[in-house]
């Protein structure tokens, strides 16, 4: 790849290479290989050599092609400022718990930002065989087929399949559990699949109607946010009191689903 490589083409190429690396690590894991798993913020927040190796591959691929760009990565190994006005925001393995348990619902998330927001977003789920892409002003698509993504058009909260996720903080998780108990009888159902980036890609693809989660980091939703908005949806942030203090929450979905979830969130004590 060269400096003239379009950002979307570069992001897809690097995401696929990282995905192939992670699939090899997944096979080693099944064979009993020790991936050096440790924890970060809590026992429910693991990291492994697979996460770190994927981030090194992604950072190398992006910066070899575009050495003047900045980079922000979840594992922090290659995070750096840039001089070009562009910054890559990378989650090398979103859904690490799923990965470590042999579940296929994990992904690589790569976004490119400039001063006006996200330019390109790619979410690649190698064990599902799917990649979702978006460019600012250019729409969102499933990469393998070129199919244009569109959010669902449900109009009532009772029709909404809602995706969500839980914090790594036990006190926050307890409050989120109580909130979900309140949401379940109001919505069609609630899903907790363990990957924010994948949840947002599925909202963009109409596989969930809405999404709400607190405590996300930039790499969790940089790519997914663009997928949803380019698929015709809305994404916003709101305050949610959890674990004794106010936290930023992300709300996404089609217009009606987004508004219903935002109103529900604003009703929370």
Protein backbone atom coordinates (compact mmCIF):
# COMPACT_ATOMS: atom_id res chain seq x y z
CA UNK A 1 0.00 0.00 0.00
CA UNK A 2 1.20 3.53 -0.75
CA UNK A 3 0.32 7.02 0.42
CA UNK A 4 -2.08 7.18 -2.54
CA UNK A 5 -4.03 4.13 -1.37
CA UNK A 6 -7.58 5.24 -0.51
CA UNK A 7 -8.23 5.00 3.25
CA UNK A 8 -11.13 2.56 2.81
CA UNK A 9 -9.07 0.18 0.68
CA UNK A 10 -6.22 0.35 3.20
CA UNK A 11 -8.54 -0.22 6.18
CA UNK A 12 -10.20 -3.25 4.56
CA UNK A 13 -6.85 -4.78 3.61
CA UNK A 14 -5.35 -4.33 7.07
CA UNK A 15 -8.52 -5.53 8.84
CA UNK A 16 -8.54 -8.70 6.74
CA UNK A 17 -4.89 -9.39 7.45
CA UNK A 18 -5.46 -8.89 11.18
CA UNK A 19 -8.54 -11.10 10.99
CA UNK A 20 -6.54 -13.91 9.36
CA UNK A 21 -3.93 -13.62 12.11
CA UNK A 22 -6.61 -13.80 14.79
CA UNK A 23 -8.20 -16.86 13.18
CA UNK A 24 -4.82 -18.59 13.44
CA UNK A 25 -4.63 -17.63 17.11
CA UNK A 26 -8.18 -18.96 17.60
CA UNK A 27 -7.06 -22.32 16.18
CA UNK A 28 -4.07 -22.37 18.53
CA UNK A 29 -6.39 -21.61 21.42
CA UNK A 30 -8.57 -24.59 20.50
CA UNK A 31 -5.42 -26.72 20.49
CA UNK A 32 -4.58 -25.65 24.04
CA UNK A 33 -1.85 -23.13 23.28
CA UNK A 34 -1.31 -20.57 26.05
CA UNK A 35 -2.02 -17.10 24.64
CA UNK A 36 -0.71 -15.28 27.69
CA UNK A 37 -4.10 -14.08 28.91
CA UNK A 38 -4.07 -11.38 31.58
CA UNK A 39 -6.64 -8.87 32.83
CA UNK A 40 -6.82 -5.09 32.67
CA UNK A 41 -9.47 -3.18 34.62
CA UNK A 42 -11.17 -6.24 36.18
CA UNK A 43 -11.46 -10.02 35.94
CA UNK A 44 -14.07 -9.56 33.19
CA UNK A 45 -11.67 -7.46 31.07
CA UNK A 46 -9.10 -9.87 29.58
CA UNK A 47 -6.34 -9.25 27.04
CA UNK A 48 -4.18 -11.81 25.28
CA UNK A 49 -1.20 -12.03 22.97
CA UNK A 50 -3.73 -12.28 20.13
CA UNK A 51 -5.04 -8.75 20.90
CA UNK A 52 -1.51 -7.38 21.08
CA UNK A 53 -0.26 -9.13 17.94
CA UNK A 54 -3.28 -7.97 15.93
CA UNK A 55 -2.74 -4.38 17.03
CA UNK A 56 0.94 -4.54 16.05
CA UNK A 57 -0.02 -5.86 12.61
CA UNK A 58 -2.68 -3.17 12.12
CA UNK A 59 -0.45 -0.34 13.31
CA UNK A 60 2.38 -1.51 11.08
CA UNK A 61 0.15 -1.82 8.04
CA UNK A 62 -1.46 1.59 8.49
CA UNK A 63 1.68 3.51 9.34
CA UNK A 64 3.80 1.86 6.66
CA UNK A 65 1.28 3.12 4.12
CA UNK A 66 0.58 6.47 5.79
CA UNK A 67 3.47 7.33 8.13
CA UNK A 68 2.28 10.86 8.87
CA UNK A 69 -1.11 9.78 10.26
CA UNK A 70 -1.88 9.52 13.94
CA UNK A 71 -3.07 6.33 15.61
CA UNK A 72 -5.09 5.46 18.71
CA UNK A 73 -5.25 1.76 19.61
CA UNK A 74 -6.97 -0.01 22.47
CA UNK A 75 -3.83 -1.76 23.66
CA UNK A 76 -1.76 1.43 23.35
CA UNK A 77 1.29 -0.25 21.81
CA UNK A 78 1.56 2.06 18.80
CA UNK A 79 -0.62 5.03 19.73
CA UNK A 80 0.95 8.23 18.43
CA UNK A 81 0.09 11.74 17.26
CA UNK A 82 0.31 12.52 13.58
CA UNK A 83 0.93 15.51 11.33
CA UNK A 84 -1.34 14.74 8.38
CA UNK A 85 -4.66 15.70 9.98
CA UNK A 86 -5.81 12.08 9.96
CA UNK A 87 -5.98 9.65 12.86
CA UNK A 88 -6.71 5.93 12.83
CA UNK A 89 -8.77 4.56 15.72
CA UNK A 90 -8.29 0.82 16.15
CA UNK A 91 -9.79 -1.97 18.20
CA UNK A 92 -7.74 -4.99 17.14
CA UNK A 93 -10.06 -7.51 18.77
CA UNK A 94 -13.45 -6.32 19.97
CA UNK A 95 -15.09 -9.16 21.85
CA UNK A 96 -12.02 -10.69 23.49
CA UNK A 97 -14.12 -12.71 25.94
CA UNK A 98 -16.05 -14.26 23.04
CA UNK A 99 -12.76 -15.00 21.27
CA UNK A 100 -11.27 -16.70 24.32
CA UNK A 101 -14.39 -18.86 24.75
CA UNK A 102 -14.35 -20.00 21.12
CA UNK A 103 -17.42 -17.97 20.16
CA UNK A 104 -17.43 -16.38 16.66
CA UNK A 105 -18.91 -13.01 17.66
CA UNK A 106 -15.75 -10.90 17.71
CA UNK A 107 -14.34 -8.48 15.20
CA UNK A 108 -11.63 -6.08 14.09
CA UNK A 109 -12.70 -2.42 14.07
CA UNK A 110 -10.78 0.29 12.19
CA UNK A 111 -11.81 3.91 11.65
CA UNK A 112 -10.06 6.91 10.14
CA UNK A 113 -10.88 10.40 11.44
CA UNK A 114 -10.15 13.97 10.41
CA UNK A 115 -11.08 17.29 11.98
CA UNK A 116 -14.70 16.90 10.85
CA UNK A 117 -15.25 13.39 12.24
CA UNK A 118 -15.00 9.85 10.94
CA UNK A 119 -14.04 9.47 7.28
CA UNK A 120 -13.94 5.67 6.96
CA UNK A 121 -15.20 2.81 9.12
CA UNK A 122 -14.57 -0.92 8.77
CA UNK A 123 -15.83 -3.73 11.00
CA UNK A 124 -14.56 -7.18 10.02
CA UNK A 125 -15.85 -10.38 11.65
CA UNK A 126 -13.63 -13.11 10.17
CA UNK A 127 -15.31 -16.12 11.75
CA UNK A 128 -18.68 -14.87 10.50
CA UNK A 129 -17.23 -14.23 7.04
CA UNK A 130 -18.53 -10.66 6.95
CA UNK A 131 -17.08 -7.18 6.64
CA UNK A 132 -19.05 -3.95 6.86
CA UNK A 133 -17.71 -0.68 5.47
CA UNK A 134 -18.73 2.97 5.40
CA UNK A 135 -17.37 6.19 3.98
CA UNK A 136 -18.54 9.63 5.01
CA UNK A 137 -21.19 10.71 2.53
CA UNK A 138 -20.79 7.46 0.58
CA UNK A 139 -23.11 5.11 2.41
CA UNK A 140 -22.51 1.81 4.19
CA UNK A 141 -22.16 -1.61 2.61
CA UNK A 142 -21.45 -5.25 3.19
CA UNK A 143 -18.04 -5.56 1.59
CA UNK A 144 -18.40 -9.11 0.26
CA UNK A 145 -21.54 -8.40 -1.76
CA UNK A 146 -21.71 -4.62 -2.13
CA UNK A 147 -25.15 -4.76 -0.52
CA UNK A 148 -26.16 -1.31 0.72
CA UNK A 149 -26.95 -1.27 4.44
CA UNK A 150 -30.09 0.34 5.83
CA UNK A 151 -31.26 0.59 9.42
CA UNK A 152 -34.65 -0.82 10.33
CA UNK A 153 -37.75 1.35 10.23
CA UNK A 154 -39.60 0.11 13.33
CA UNK A 155 -41.72 2.81 14.92
CA UNK A 156 -42.50 1.52 18.42
CA UNK A 157 -40.25 0.54 21.30
CA UNK A 158 -42.25 -2.66 21.66
CA UNK A 159 -41.08 -3.65 18.16
CA UNK A 160 -37.41 -3.01 18.89
CA UNK A 161 -34.73 -5.67 19.22
CA UNK A 162 -32.21 -3.79 21.36
CA UNK A 163 -28.50 -4.57 21.59
CA UNK A 164 -26.55 -3.60 24.69
CA UNK A 165 -23.43 -4.39 26.66
CA UNK A 166 -22.15 -4.27 30.23
CA UNK A 167 -19.28 -2.48 31.93
CA UNK A 168 -16.27 -4.24 33.43
CA UNK A 169 -16.97 -2.50 36.76
CA UNK A 170 -19.09 -4.78 39.01
CA UNK A 171 -21.02 -1.86 40.56
CA UNK A 172 -21.88 -0.48 37.14
CA UNK A 173 -22.83 -3.93 35.87
CA UNK A 174 -25.30 -4.31 38.73
CA UNK A 175 -27.05 -1.06 37.78
CA UNK A 176 -27.05 -2.04 34.11
CA UNK A 177 -28.67 -5.34 35.00
CA UNK A 178 -31.49 -3.53 36.78
CA UNK A 179 -31.91 -1.19 33.81
CA UNK A 180 -32.13 -4.10 31.37
CA UNK A 181 -34.76 -5.71 33.60
CA UNK A 182 -36.80 -2.54 33.12
CA UNK A 183 -36.22 -2.47 29.36
CA UNK A 184 -37.00 -6.13 28.60
CA UNK A 185 -40.81 -5.89 29.05
CA UNK A 186 -40.92 -2.65 27.04
CA UNK A 187 -38.96 -3.87 24.00
CA UNK A 188 -39.33 -6.83 21.66
CA UNK A 189 -36.20 -8.27 23.28
CA UNK A 190 -32.68 -7.40 24.40
CA UNK A 191 -29.45 -8.94 23.11
CA UNK A 192 -26.02 -8.83 24.73
CA UNK A 193 -23.52 -10.23 22.22
CA UNK A 194 -20.29 -8.90 23.74
CA UNK A 195 -18.91 -6.64 20.99
CA UNK A 196 -19.94 -3.00 20.68
CA UNK A 197 -18.48 -2.66 17.19
CA UNK A 198 -20.38 -5.73 15.99
CA UNK A 199 -23.59 -4.54 17.66
CA UNK A 200 -23.37 -1.24 15.77
CA UNK A 201 -22.61 -3.01 12.48
CA UNK A 202 -25.70 -5.13 13.02
CA UNK A 203 -27.82 -2.05 13.72
CA UNK A 204 -26.57 -0.64 10.41
CA UNK A 205 -27.48 -3.91 8.70
CA UNK A 206 -30.96 -4.06 10.28
CA UNK A 207 -30.12 -7.10 12.44
CA UNK A 208 -30.93 -5.08 15.55
CA UNK A 209 -33.24 -2.09 15.73
CA UNK A 210 -31.39 -0.11 18.38
CA UNK A 211 -28.41 -0.04 20.67
CA UNK A 212 -27.63 1.52 24.03
CA UNK A 213 -24.49 1.16 26.14
CA UNK A 214 -22.50 3.24 28.63
CA UNK A 215 -18.78 3.55 29.18
CA UNK A 216 -17.51 2.97 25.66
CA UNK A 217 -14.05 4.01 24.58
CA UNK A 218 -13.38 5.75 21.22
CA UNK A 219 -12.12 2.55 19.57
CA UNK A 220 -15.30 0.69 20.57
CA UNK A 221 -17.60 2.76 18.39
CA UNK A 222 -15.59 4.96 15.99
CA UNK A 223 -16.21 2.66 13.01
CA UNK A 224 -19.66 1.49 14.08
CA UNK A 225 -20.96 5.04 14.49
CA UNK A 226 -20.21 5.81 10.84
CA UNK A 227 -21.78 2.53 9.71
CA UNK A 228 -25.04 3.44 11.47
CA UNK A 229 -25.23 7.04 10.29
CA UNK A 230 -24.34 6.13 6.70
CA UNK A 231 -27.03 3.43 6.82
CA UNK A 232 -29.59 6.14 7.58
CA UNK A 233 -29.61 5.89 11.36
CA UNK A 234 -28.90 8.17 14.26
CA UNK A 235 -26.19 8.02 16.91
CA UNK A 236 -26.03 10.26 19.96
CA UNK A 237 -24.63 10.38 23.46
CA UNK A 238 -26.47 10.96 26.72
CA UNK A 239 -25.78 10.89 30.42
CA UNK A 240 -26.59 7.71 32.36
CA UNK A 241 -26.09 7.40 36.10
CA UNK A 242 -24.49 4.06 36.85
CA UNK A 243 -22.36 2.93 39.76
CA UNK A 244 -22.96 6.12 41.64
CA UNK A 245 -21.92 8.62 38.98
CA UNK A 246 -22.90 9.99 35.60
CA UNK A 247 -21.44 8.21 32.58
CA UNK A 248 -21.62 8.83 28.86
CA UNK A 249 -23.88 6.43 27.01
CA UNK A 250 -24.15 5.79 23.27
CA UNK A 251 -27.62 5.44 21.74
CA UNK A 252 -28.02 4.28 18.13
CA UNK A 253 -30.69 3.04 15.78
CA UNK A 254 -33.18 4.02 13.15
CA UNK A 255 -34.85 7.35 13.82
CA UNK A 256 -37.75 6.00 15.88
CA UNK A 257 -35.77 3.34 17.71
CA UNK A 258 -33.06 5.86 18.58
CA UNK A 259 -35.60 8.36 19.91
CA UNK A 260 -37.45 5.74 21.96
CA UNK A 261 -34.23 4.48 23.53
CA UNK A 262 -33.04 8.00 24.24
CA UNK A 263 -36.36 8.81 25.92
CA UNK A 264 -36.14 5.59 27.97
CA UNK A 265 -32.63 6.46 29.02
CA UNK A 266 -33.62 9.97 30.05
CA UNK A 267 -36.32 8.45 32.30
CA UNK A 268 -33.70 6.54 34.24
CA UNK A 269 -33.16 7.76 37.83
